Amino acid sequence: MKKHLLLIGFSCTGKTSLGKQVFGDGFIIDSDIEVLKWIENETGESFAHIYEVYMNRERDSAIALIE
């Protein structure tokens, strides 16, 4: 039986780093990265971090895009 572990918490607290240490790079799905890929595909814009979406767009536009 496959087992899954979901790490939740505030951004930049080490969830991905901990997951990579325990399970290795190939078994981690980082939701921030997946959201960024989707946003880049939808908008054609490139962002290095999820917070850049908020910095580069007006607040309401960023929230609407992420929701």
N, C-alpha and C. Protein backbone atom coordinates (compact mmCIF):
# COMPACT_ATOMS: atom_id res chain seq x y z
N MET A 1 0.84 -1.17 0.00
CA MET A 1 0.00 0.00 0.00
C MET A 1 0.89 1.24 0.00
N LYS A 2 0.55 2.19 -0.89
CA LYS A 2 1.30 3.44 -0.92
C LYS A 2 0.90 4.29 0.26
N LYS A 3 1.86 5.00 0.78
CA LYS A 3 1.59 5.93 1.87
C LYS A 3 1.96 7.33 1.39
N HIS A 4 1.18 8.28 1.80
CA HIS A 4 1.42 9.67 1.43
C HIS A 4 1.52 10.51 2.70
N LEU A 5 2.33 11.54 2.62
CA LEU A 5 2.48 12.47 3.73
C LEU A 5 2.25 13.87 3.17
N LEU A 6 1.35 14.60 3.75
CA LEU A 6 1.06 15.97 3.35
C LEU A 6 1.60 16.91 4.43
N LEU A 7 2.54 17.74 4.02
CA LEU A 7 3.10 18.72 4.94
C LEU A 7 2.44 20.06 4.65
N ILE A 8 1.82 20.65 5.65
CA ILE A 8 1.19 21.94 5.48
C ILE A 8 1.79 22.93 6.46
N GLY A 9 1.78 24.19 6.07
CA GLY A 9 2.31 25.23 6.94
C GLY A 9 2.58 26.48 6.14
N PHE A 10 3.08 27.48 6.83
CA PHE A 10 3.38 28.75 6.18
C PHE A 10 4.49 28.59 5.14
N SER A 11 4.50 29.49 4.17
CA SER A 11 5.54 29.49 3.14
C SER A 11 6.91 29.71 3.78
N CYS A 12 7.91 29.12 3.17
CA CYS A 12 9.31 29.29 3.56
C CYS A 12 9.61 28.77 4.96
N THR A 13 8.91 27.72 5.39
CA THR A 13 9.19 27.15 6.71
C THR A 13 9.94 25.83 6.62
N GLY A 14 10.25 25.37 5.39
CA GLY A 14 11.06 24.18 5.22
C GLY A 14 10.32 22.90 4.88
N LYS A 15 9.05 23.00 4.48
CA LYS A 15 8.28 21.79 4.16
C LYS A 15 8.91 21.01 3.01
N THR A 16 9.25 21.69 1.94
CA THR A 16 9.84 21.03 0.77
C THR A 16 11.22 20.47 1.13
N SER A 17 12.02 21.23 1.84
CA SER A 17 13.35 20.76 2.23
C SER A 17 13.26 19.51 3.09
N LEU A 18 12.35 19.49 4.03
CA LEU A 18 12.15 18.32 4.88
C LEU A 18 11.70 17.12 4.05
N GLY A 19 10.75 17.34 3.17
CA GLY A 19 10.27 16.26 2.31
C GLY A 19 11.37 15.67 1.45
N LYS A 20 12.22 16.53 0.89
CA LYS A 20 13.34 16.05 0.06
C LYS A 20 14.34 15.26 0.89
N GLN A 21 14.58 15.69 2.13
CA GLN A 21 15.52 14.97 2.99
C GLN A 21 14.98 13.58 3.33
N VAL A 22 13.68 13.49 3.56
CA VAL A 22 13.09 12.22 3.98
C VAL A 22 12.82 11.30 2.79
N PHE A 23 12.27 11.85 1.70
CA PHE A 23 11.81 11.01 0.60
C PHE A 23 12.63 11.12 -0.67
N GLY A 24 13.46 12.13 -0.82
CA GLY A 24 14.24 12.33 -2.04
C GLY A 24 13.51 13.26 -3.00
N ASP A 25 14.26 13.79 -3.96
CA ASP A 25 13.70 14.79 -4.88
C ASP A 25 12.57 14.25 -5.75
N GLY A 26 12.65 13.00 -6.15
CA GLY A 26 11.69 12.47 -7.11
C GLY A 26 10.30 12.22 -6.57
N PHE A 27 10.11 12.35 -5.30
CA PHE A 27 8.82 12.01 -4.70
C PHE A 27 8.07 13.21 -4.12
N ILE A 28 8.55 14.41 -4.40
CA ILE A 28 7.98 15.61 -3.80
C ILE A 28 7.18 16.38 -4.83
N ILE A 29 5.99 16.81 -4.46
CA ILE A 29 5.20 17.73 -5.27
C ILE A 29 5.04 18.99 -4.44
N ASP A 30 5.59 20.08 -4.92
CA ASP A 30 5.51 21.36 -4.23
C ASP A 30 4.36 22.15 -4.83
N SER A 31 3.33 22.39 -4.06
CA SER A 31 2.13 23.05 -4.58
C SER A 31 2.42 24.47 -5.06
N ASP A 32 3.34 25.19 -4.43
CA ASP A 32 3.68 26.53 -4.91
C ASP A 32 4.24 26.47 -6.33
N ILE A 33 5.09 25.50 -6.59
CA ILE A 33 5.67 25.36 -7.93
C ILE A 33 4.58 24.98 -8.94
N GLU A 34 3.68 24.09 -8.56
CA GLU A 34 2.60 23.69 -9.46
C GLU A 34 1.68 24.87 -9.77
N VAL A 35 1.39 25.69 -8.78
CA VAL A 35 0.56 26.88 -9.01
C VAL A 35 1.29 27.85 -9.93
N LEU A 36 2.59 28.05 -9.71
CA LEU A 36 3.36 28.94 -10.58
C LEU A 36 3.36 28.45 -12.02
N LYS A 37 3.52 27.15 -12.23
CA LYS A 37 3.48 26.60 -13.59
C LYS A 37 2.15 26.90 -14.26
N TRP A 38 1.06 26.72 -13.50
CA TRP A 38 -0.26 26.97 -14.05
C TRP A 38 -0.44 28.45 -14.40
N ILE A 39 0.00 29.35 -13.49
CA ILE A 39 -0.11 30.78 -13.73
C ILE A 39 0.70 31.18 -14.95
N GLU A 40 1.92 30.67 -15.07
CA GLU A 40 2.76 30.99 -16.22
C GLU A 40 2.11 30.51 -17.51
N ASN A 41 1.50 29.34 -17.48
CA ASN A 41 0.81 28.81 -18.66
C ASN A 41 -0.39 29.69 -19.03
N GLU A 42 -1.13 30.15 -18.03
CA GLU A 42 -2.33 30.96 -18.27
C GLU A 42 -2.00 32.38 -18.72
N THR A 43 -0.94 32.97 -18.17
CA THR A 43 -0.65 34.38 -18.42
C THR A 43 0.51 34.62 -19.38
N GLY A 44 1.38 33.65 -19.53
CA GLY A 44 2.59 33.85 -20.33
C GLY A 44 3.67 34.60 -19.56
N GLU A 45 3.39 34.95 -18.31
CA GLU A 45 4.37 35.64 -17.46
C GLU A 45 5.18 34.60 -16.69
N SER A 46 6.39 34.98 -16.31
CA SER A 46 7.26 34.08 -15.55
C SER A 46 7.49 34.66 -14.16
N PHE A 47 7.35 33.82 -13.14
CA PHE A 47 7.55 34.23 -11.76
C PHE A 47 8.50 33.26 -11.08
N ALA A 48 9.39 33.77 -10.24
CA ALA A 48 10.33 32.92 -9.51
C ALA A 48 9.73 32.39 -8.22
N HIS A 49 8.77 33.13 -7.65
CA HIS A 49 8.17 32.74 -6.38
C HIS A 49 6.71 33.18 -6.39
N ILE A 50 5.88 32.48 -5.66
CA ILE A 50 4.45 32.77 -5.62
C ILE A 50 4.17 34.20 -5.19
N TYR A 51 5.01 34.77 -4.34
CA TYR A 51 4.78 36.13 -3.88
C TYR A 51 4.95 37.15 -4.99
N GLU A 52 5.71 36.82 -6.03
CA GLU A 52 5.88 37.75 -7.14
C GLU A 52 4.57 37.99 -7.88
N VAL A 53 3.67 37.03 -7.84
CA VAL A 53 2.36 37.23 -8.46
C VAL A 53 1.68 38.42 -7.80
N TYR A 54 1.76 38.50 -6.47
CA TYR A 54 1.16 39.61 -5.75
C TYR A 54 1.90 40.91 -5.99
N MET A 55 3.24 40.85 -6.08
CA MET A 55 4.03 42.06 -6.25
C MET A 55 3.87 42.65 -7.65
N ASN A 56 3.71 41.79 -8.67
CA ASN A 56 3.67 42.26 -10.04
C ASN A 56 2.26 42.56 -10.54
N ARG A 57 1.26 42.22 -9.79
CA ARG A 57 -0.12 42.48 -10.18
C ARG A 57 -0.83 43.20 -9.05
N GLU A 58 -1.92 43.83 -9.40
CA GLU A 58 -2.75 44.42 -8.35
C GLU A 58 -3.32 43.29 -7.50
N ARG A 59 -3.57 43.55 -6.25
CA ARG A 59 -4.01 42.53 -5.30
C ARG A 59 -5.22 41.74 -5.80
N ASP A 60 -6.27 42.43 -6.24
CA ASP A 60 -7.49 41.75 -6.68
C ASP A 60 -7.24 40.88 -7.90
N SER A 61 -6.39 41.35 -8.81
CA SER A 61 -6.06 40.57 -10.00
C SER A 61 -5.28 39.32 -9.62
N ALA A 62 -4.36 39.43 -8.70
CA ALA A 62 -3.56 38.28 -8.26
C ALA A 62 -4.43 37.26 -7.56
N ILE A 63 -5.31 37.71 -6.68
CA ILE A 63 -6.19 36.79 -5.96
C ILE A 63 -7.12 36.08 -6.93
N ALA A 64 -7.69 36.81 -7.88
CA ALA A 64 -8.58 36.19 -8.87
C ALA A 64 -7.85 35.14 -9.69
N LEU A 65 -6.61 35.41 -10.05
CA LEU A 65 -5.82 34.48 -10.84
C LEU A 65 -5.52 33.21 -10.06
N ILE A 66 -5.15 33.34 -8.81
CA ILE A 66 -4.78 32.19 -7.99
C ILE A 66 -6.01 31.36 -7.61
N GLU A 67 -7.13 32.03 -7.36
CA GLU A 67 -8.33 31.29 -6.99
C GLU A 67 -8.82 30.50 -8.15
